Structures are given as structure tokens and as C-alpha cells.
Amino acid sequence: MSSSQKTEYMGLNNWLGTDRPQRIDFVDDNQKIDSTMKSHATNTTLHCTSTEKARFNNPFTFVSYVGTGTASKTVAIGYVPKMVIVFQKDKPAVEVDSDGTMLNNMSVVAKSSGNTGGAIISDSNVVVYQSSSASNNIKQNLNKQNGQYCIIAFK
């Protein structure tokens, strides 16, 4: 005979001193516990998926490349990043030319919904640009011949 009382949430047996537990009572309780735990543990609204956990453990990737001097260069990241920061190694983010009229942009932030100019996210790649002339007094300098560049790509 199952118990004369049950627990509030899962309805598990809550025997009184006069109840006579049987094996089936324990089996039923174990099945309820196992089913409830499975529903809870696999609920991705409450818990992170393995992909999300990997993202927390390794939130970004660091990639370097050497500029080719061409108008654009595609750099493989290996996944679709949410955001990237691209910059030229050992250079400031922006340089002003000698007469102070033009900015040479050596860094950029890009995300899937937009960018600050000079690079875009395209699937699992970042496309960087090298301008031959300035637009609005800004020249993109992210693929200069033999330039050393870095990309921080956020998952």
C-alpha cells in the first residue's frame, strides 16, 4: 500500500508510522524523481547548452594575418563571430597624415549588424579593406602590404 500522504510538489510517498511501504512505492518515486530531474536538466531555458558553455569558457579567438596590399582580404575565423576588433600591430588606432587633413584608420570594430568602416563580418570570415584614397578624409588601412594585423573575434 502506498503512503496515506504525498509530498507537495512531486507527489512522492510520505509514509506515516501506520503505512506499510512496498517495493512498487519506491520504484514509482524513483521514476518521478528521474523524470523531473531529466526535464529540469535538459531545459535549455534554465540551463546553458554545451555550445553556450563552450562560448563562456572561450569567449573569443585571436587571429593574426599579414596584409597583402590589395583592396580587400578575407580572413577565416572558423565560426560566425558576434563582433570583431581588427587592429594593426604596434600602431595607434588612427594616424593623422603630415598635413593634418586625413586620418589613416588602422583599427575597426565590426559586428554582424554593422561596423565602423574598414571591415565586415561575412559568415565565418572577416573581410578587411585597404583604401587607395580617402573617403570623408578617412583612409582604411587594414590590409597594407606586409602590415601585421590582429583580429579578436568574439563568439
C-alpha atoms as a PDB file:
ATOM      1  CA  MET A   1       0.000   0.000   0.000  1.00  0.00           C
ATOM      2  CA  SER A   2       1.353   3.411  -0.891  1.00  0.00           C
ATOM      3  CA  SER A   3       1.559   6.083   1.766  1.00  0.00           C
ATOM      4  CA  SER A   4      -1.507   7.838   3.054  1.00  0.00           C
ATOM      5  CA  GLN A   5       0.250  11.191   2.487  1.00  0.00           C
ATOM      6  CA  LYS A   6       2.189  12.585  -0.525  1.00  0.00           C
ATOM      7  CA  THR A   7       4.803  15.340  -0.825  1.00  0.00           C
ATOM      8  CA  GLU A   8       3.549  18.708  -2.085  1.00  0.00           C
ATOM      9  CA  TYR A   9       5.433  19.123  -5.387  1.00  0.00           C
ATOM     10  CA  MET A  10       6.273  15.712  -6.783  1.00  0.00           C
ATOM     11  CA  GLY A  11       3.674  13.584  -5.060  1.00  0.00           C
ATOM     12  CA  LEU A  12       6.260  11.247  -3.539  1.00  0.00           C
ATOM     13  CA  ASN A  13       5.306   8.849  -0.816  1.00  0.00           C
ATOM     14  CA  ASN A  14       5.350  10.407   2.647  1.00  0.00           C
ATOM     15  CA  TRP A  15       4.666   7.474   4.925  1.00  0.00           C
ATOM     16  CA  LEU A  16       3.140   7.656   8.337  1.00  0.00           C
ATOM     17  CA  GLY A  17       4.089   5.159  11.042  1.00  0.00           C
ATOM     18  CA  THR A  18       0.975   3.100  10.278  1.00  0.00           C
ATOM     19  CA  ASP A  19       1.647   2.860   6.487  1.00  0.00           C
ATOM     20  CA  ARG A  20       3.198  -0.287   5.012  1.00  0.00           C
ATOM     21  CA  PRO A  21       5.695   0.647   2.229  1.00  0.00           C
ATOM     22  CA  GLN A  22       6.024  -1.716  -0.718  1.00  0.00           C
ATOM     23  CA  ARG A  23       8.744  -2.001  -3.338  1.00  0.00           C
ATOM     24  CA  ILE A  24       6.489  -0.519  -6.043  1.00  0.00           C
ATOM     25  CA  ASP A  25       6.200   2.672  -3.950  1.00  0.00           C
ATOM     26  CA  PHE A  26       9.974   3.185  -4.195  1.00  0.00           C
ATOM     27  CA  VAL A  27      10.017   2.334  -7.904  1.00  0.00           C
ATOM     28  CA  ASP A  28       7.237   4.855  -8.592  1.00  0.00           C
ATOM     29  CA  ASP A  29       9.003   7.548  -6.536  1.00  0.00           C
ATOM     30  CA  ASN A  30      12.317   6.904  -8.341  1.00  0.00           C
ATOM     31  CA  GLN A  31      10.618   7.215 -11.736  1.00  0.00           C
ATOM     32  CA  LYS A  32       9.006  10.523 -10.710  1.00  0.00           C
ATOM     33  CA  ILE A  33      12.345  11.857  -9.463  1.00  0.00           C
ATOM     34  CA  ASP A  34      14.192  10.707 -12.589  1.00  0.00           C
ATOM     35  CA  SER A  35      11.575  12.204 -14.919  1.00  0.00           C
ATOM     36  CA  THR A  36      11.543  15.509 -13.046  1.00  0.00           C
ATOM     37  CA  MET A  37      15.360  15.708 -12.972  1.00  0.00           C
ATOM     38  CA  LYS A  38      15.578  14.943 -16.706  1.00  0.00           C
ATOM     39  CA  SER A  39      13.032  17.673 -17.511  1.00  0.00           C
ATOM     40  CA  HIS A  40      14.955  20.132 -15.374  1.00  0.00           C
ATOM     41  CA  ALA A  41      18.469  19.205 -16.539  1.00  0.00           C
ATOM     42  CA  THR A  42      17.580  19.314 -20.250  1.00  0.00           C
ATOM     43  CA  ASN A  43      15.640  22.587 -20.049  1.00  0.00           C
ATOM     44  CA  THR A  44      17.776  24.982 -22.120  1.00  0.00           C
ATOM     45  CA  THR A  45      15.715  27.934 -20.942  1.00  0.00           C
ATOM     46  CA  LEU A  46      17.003  27.335 -17.415  1.00  0.00           C
ATOM     47  CA  HIS A  47      20.403  25.850 -18.275  1.00  0.00           C
ATOM     48  CA  CYS A  48      23.130  26.504 -20.818  1.00  0.00           C
ATOM     49  CA  THR A  49      23.639  24.208 -23.775  1.00  0.00           C
ATOM     50  CA  SER A  50      27.071  22.677 -24.359  1.00  0.00           C
ATOM     51  CA  THR A  51      27.635  25.228 -27.139  1.00  0.00           C
ATOM     52  CA  GLU A  52      26.821  28.087 -24.779  1.00  0.00           C
ATOM     53  CA  LYS A  53      29.123  26.650 -22.112  1.00  0.00           C
ATOM     54  CA  ALA A  54      31.952  26.439 -24.655  1.00  0.00           C
ATOM     55  CA  ARG A  55      31.332  30.075 -25.524  1.00  0.00           C
ATOM     56  CA  PHE A  56      31.655  31.043 -21.842  1.00  0.00           C
ATOM     57  CA  ASN A  57      34.891  29.067 -21.477  1.00  0.00           C
ATOM     58  CA  ASN A  58      36.413  30.511 -24.679  1.00  0.00           C
ATOM     59  CA  PRO A  59      34.609  33.773 -25.381  1.00  0.00           C
ATOM     60  CA  PHE A  60      36.938  34.942 -28.147  1.00  0.00           C
ATOM     61  CA  THR A  61      39.545  33.858 -30.680  1.00  0.00           C
ATOM     62  CA  PHE A  62      42.720  35.693 -31.576  1.00  0.00           C
ATOM     63  CA  VAL A  63      43.727  35.570 -35.266  1.00  0.00           C
ATOM     64  CA  SER A  64      46.638  37.308 -36.951  1.00  0.00           C
ATOM     65  CA  TYR A  65      47.263  37.988 -40.629  1.00  0.00           C
ATOM     66  CA  VAL A  66      49.744  39.730 -42.906  1.00  0.00           C
ATOM     67  CA  GLY A  67      48.394  42.385 -45.247  1.00  0.00           C
ATOM     68  CA  THR A  68      48.585  41.852 -48.995  1.00  0.00           C
ATOM     69  CA  GLY A  69      48.113  45.449 -50.139  1.00  0.00           C
ATOM     70  CA  THR A  70      45.041  44.527 -52.193  1.00  0.00           C
ATOM     71  CA  ALA A  71      41.723  46.369 -51.863  1.00  0.00           C
ATOM     72  CA  SER A  72      40.315  43.591 -49.648  1.00  0.00           C
ATOM     73  CA  LYS A  73      41.382  40.432 -47.877  1.00  0.00           C
ATOM     74  CA  THR A  74      39.227  37.667 -46.419  1.00  0.00           C
ATOM     75  CA  VAL A  75      40.396  36.189 -43.124  1.00  0.00           C
ATOM     76  CA  ALA A  76      38.840  32.898 -41.936  1.00  0.00           C
ATOM     77  CA  ILE A  77      37.678  32.849 -38.312  1.00  0.00           C
ATOM     78  CA  GLY A  78      36.170  29.345 -38.151  1.00  0.00           C
ATOM     79  CA  TYR A  79      32.785  30.424 -36.760  1.00  0.00           C
ATOM     80  CA  VAL A  80      30.393  33.342 -37.211  1.00  0.00           C
ATOM     81  CA  PRO A  81      31.580  35.936 -34.688  1.00  0.00           C
ATOM     82  CA  LYS A  82      29.172  38.286 -32.944  1.00  0.00           C
ATOM     83  CA  MET A  83      31.766  41.065 -33.038  1.00  0.00           C
ATOM     84  CA  VAL A  84      35.392  41.583 -34.098  1.00  0.00           C
ATOM     85  CA  ILE A  85      38.098  44.087 -33.312  1.00  0.00           C
ATOM     86  CA  VAL A  86      40.722  44.446 -36.026  1.00  0.00           C
ATOM     87  CA  PHE A  87      43.917  46.419 -35.497  1.00  0.00           C
ATOM     88  CA  GLN A  88      47.400  46.829 -36.899  1.00  0.00           C
ATOM     89  CA  LYS A  89      50.119  45.564 -34.603  1.00  0.00           C
ATOM     90  CA  ASP A  90      52.315  48.215 -32.970  1.00  0.00           C
ATOM     91  CA  LYS A  91      50.291  51.088 -34.446  1.00  0.00           C
ATOM     92  CA  PRO A  92      47.818  53.529 -32.923  1.00  0.00           C
ATOM     93  CA  ALA A  93      44.138  53.118 -33.753  1.00  0.00           C
ATOM     94  CA  VAL A  94      44.285  56.171 -36.040  1.00  0.00           C
ATOM     95  CA  GLU A  95      47.118  58.235 -37.503  1.00  0.00           C
ATOM     96  CA  VAL A  96      46.811  61.731 -38.901  1.00  0.00           C
ATOM     97  CA  ASP A  97      48.775  62.416 -42.087  1.00  0.00           C
ATOM     98  CA  SER A  98      51.565  65.008 -42.105  1.00  0.00           C
ATOM     99  CA  ASP A  99      49.369  67.945 -43.175  1.00  0.00           C
ATOM    100  CA  GLY A 100      46.592  67.010 -40.706  1.00  0.00           C
ATOM    101  CA  THR A 101      43.860  66.635 -43.312  1.00  0.00           C
ATOM    102  CA  MET A 102      43.424  62.873 -43.476  1.00  0.00           C
ATOM    103  CA  LEU A 103      43.033  60.064 -40.928  1.00  0.00           C
ATOM    104  CA  ASN A 104      44.636  56.692 -41.571  1.00  0.00           C
ATOM    105  CA  ASN A 105      42.364  54.182 -39.852  1.00  0.00           C
ATOM    106  CA  MET A 106      44.367  51.200 -38.507  1.00  0.00           C
ATOM    107  CA  SER A 107      41.635  49.701 -36.346  1.00  0.00           C
ATOM    108  CA  VAL A 108      37.978  48.849 -36.605  1.00  0.00           C
ATOM    109  CA  VAL A 109      35.117  47.284 -34.679  1.00  0.00           C
ATOM    110  CA  ALA A 110      32.610  45.254 -36.684  1.00  0.00           C
ATOM    111  CA  LYS A 111      29.563  43.322 -35.634  1.00  0.00           C
ATOM    112  CA  SER A 112      27.040  41.322 -37.577  1.00  0.00           C
ATOM    113  CA  SER A 113      24.617  44.264 -37.721  1.00  0.00           C
ATOM    114  CA  GLY A 114      27.125  46.962 -38.684  1.00  0.00           C
ATOM    115  CA  ASN A 115      30.657  48.299 -38.422  1.00  0.00           C
ATOM    116  CA  THR A 116      32.776  51.395 -38.028  1.00  0.00           C
ATOM    117  CA  GLY A 117      34.213  51.024 -41.541  1.00  0.00           C
ATOM    118  CA  GLY A 118      37.153  49.058 -42.859  1.00  0.00           C
ATOM    119  CA  ALA A 119      35.925  45.524 -42.124  1.00  0.00           C
ATOM    120  CA  ILE A 120      32.781  43.423 -42.267  1.00  0.00           C
ATOM    121  CA  ILE A 121      31.745  40.051 -40.895  1.00  0.00           C
ATOM    122  CA  SER A 122      30.769  37.685 -43.703  1.00  0.00           C
ATOM    123  CA  ASP A 123      29.648  34.266 -42.441  1.00  0.00           C
ATOM    124  CA  SER A 124      32.663  32.754 -40.670  1.00  0.00           C
ATOM    125  CA  ASN A 125      35.083  35.264 -42.222  1.00  0.00           C
ATOM    126  CA  VAL A 126      36.164  38.838 -41.690  1.00  0.00           C
ATOM    127  CA  VAL A 127      36.736  40.914 -44.811  1.00  0.00           C
ATOM    128  CA  VAL A 128      39.189  43.786 -44.266  1.00  0.00           C
ATOM    129  CA  TYR A 129      39.744  46.712 -46.618  1.00  0.00           C
ATOM    130  CA  GLN A 130      42.650  48.817 -47.804  1.00  0.00           C
ATOM    131  CA  SER A 131      41.758  52.179 -49.344  1.00  0.00           C
ATOM    132  CA  SER A 132      43.812  53.691 -52.131  1.00  0.00           C
ATOM    133  CA  SER A 133      42.229  57.061 -51.440  1.00  0.00           C
ATOM    134  CA  ALA A 134      40.352  58.727 -48.609  1.00  0.00           C
ATOM    135  CA  SER A 135      36.600  58.870 -48.235  1.00  0.00           C
ATOM    136  CA  ASN A 136      35.408  61.729 -45.994  1.00  0.00           C
ATOM    137  CA  ASN A 137      39.091  62.306 -45.131  1.00  0.00           C
ATOM    138  CA  ILE A 138      39.450  58.761 -43.771  1.00  0.00           C
ATOM    139  CA  LYS A 139      41.601  56.120 -45.404  1.00  0.00           C
ATOM    140  CA  GLN A 140      41.092  52.476 -44.386  1.00  0.00           C
ATOM    141  CA  ASN A 141      44.440  50.826 -43.636  1.00  0.00           C
ATOM    142  CA  LEU A 142      43.600  47.243 -42.673  1.00  0.00           C
ATOM    143  CA  ASN A 143      45.378  45.365 -45.480  1.00  0.00           C
ATOM    144  CA  LYS A 144      48.567  47.320 -46.049  1.00  0.00           C
ATOM    145  CA  GLN A 145      51.290  45.346 -47.874  1.00  0.00           C
ATOM    146  CA  ASN A 146      53.235  43.311 -45.257  1.00  0.00           C
ATOM    147  CA  GLY A 147      51.363  45.004 -42.394  1.00  0.00           C
ATOM    148  CA  GLN A 148      50.956  42.827 -39.294  1.00  0.00           C
ATOM    149  CA  TYR A 149      47.338  42.712 -38.130  1.00  0.00           C
ATOM    150  CA  CYS A 150      45.348  41.110 -35.334  1.00  0.00           C
ATOM    151  CA  ILE A 151      41.695  40.170 -35.052  1.00  0.00           C
ATOM    152  CA  ILE A 152      39.903  39.480 -31.783  1.00  0.00           C
ATOM    153  CA  ALA A 153      36.714  37.631 -32.724  1.00  0.00           C
ATOM    154  CA  PHE A 154      34.005  37.265 -30.061  1.00  0.00           C
ATOM    155  CA  LYS A 155      31.708  34.249 -30.087  1.00  0.00           C
END
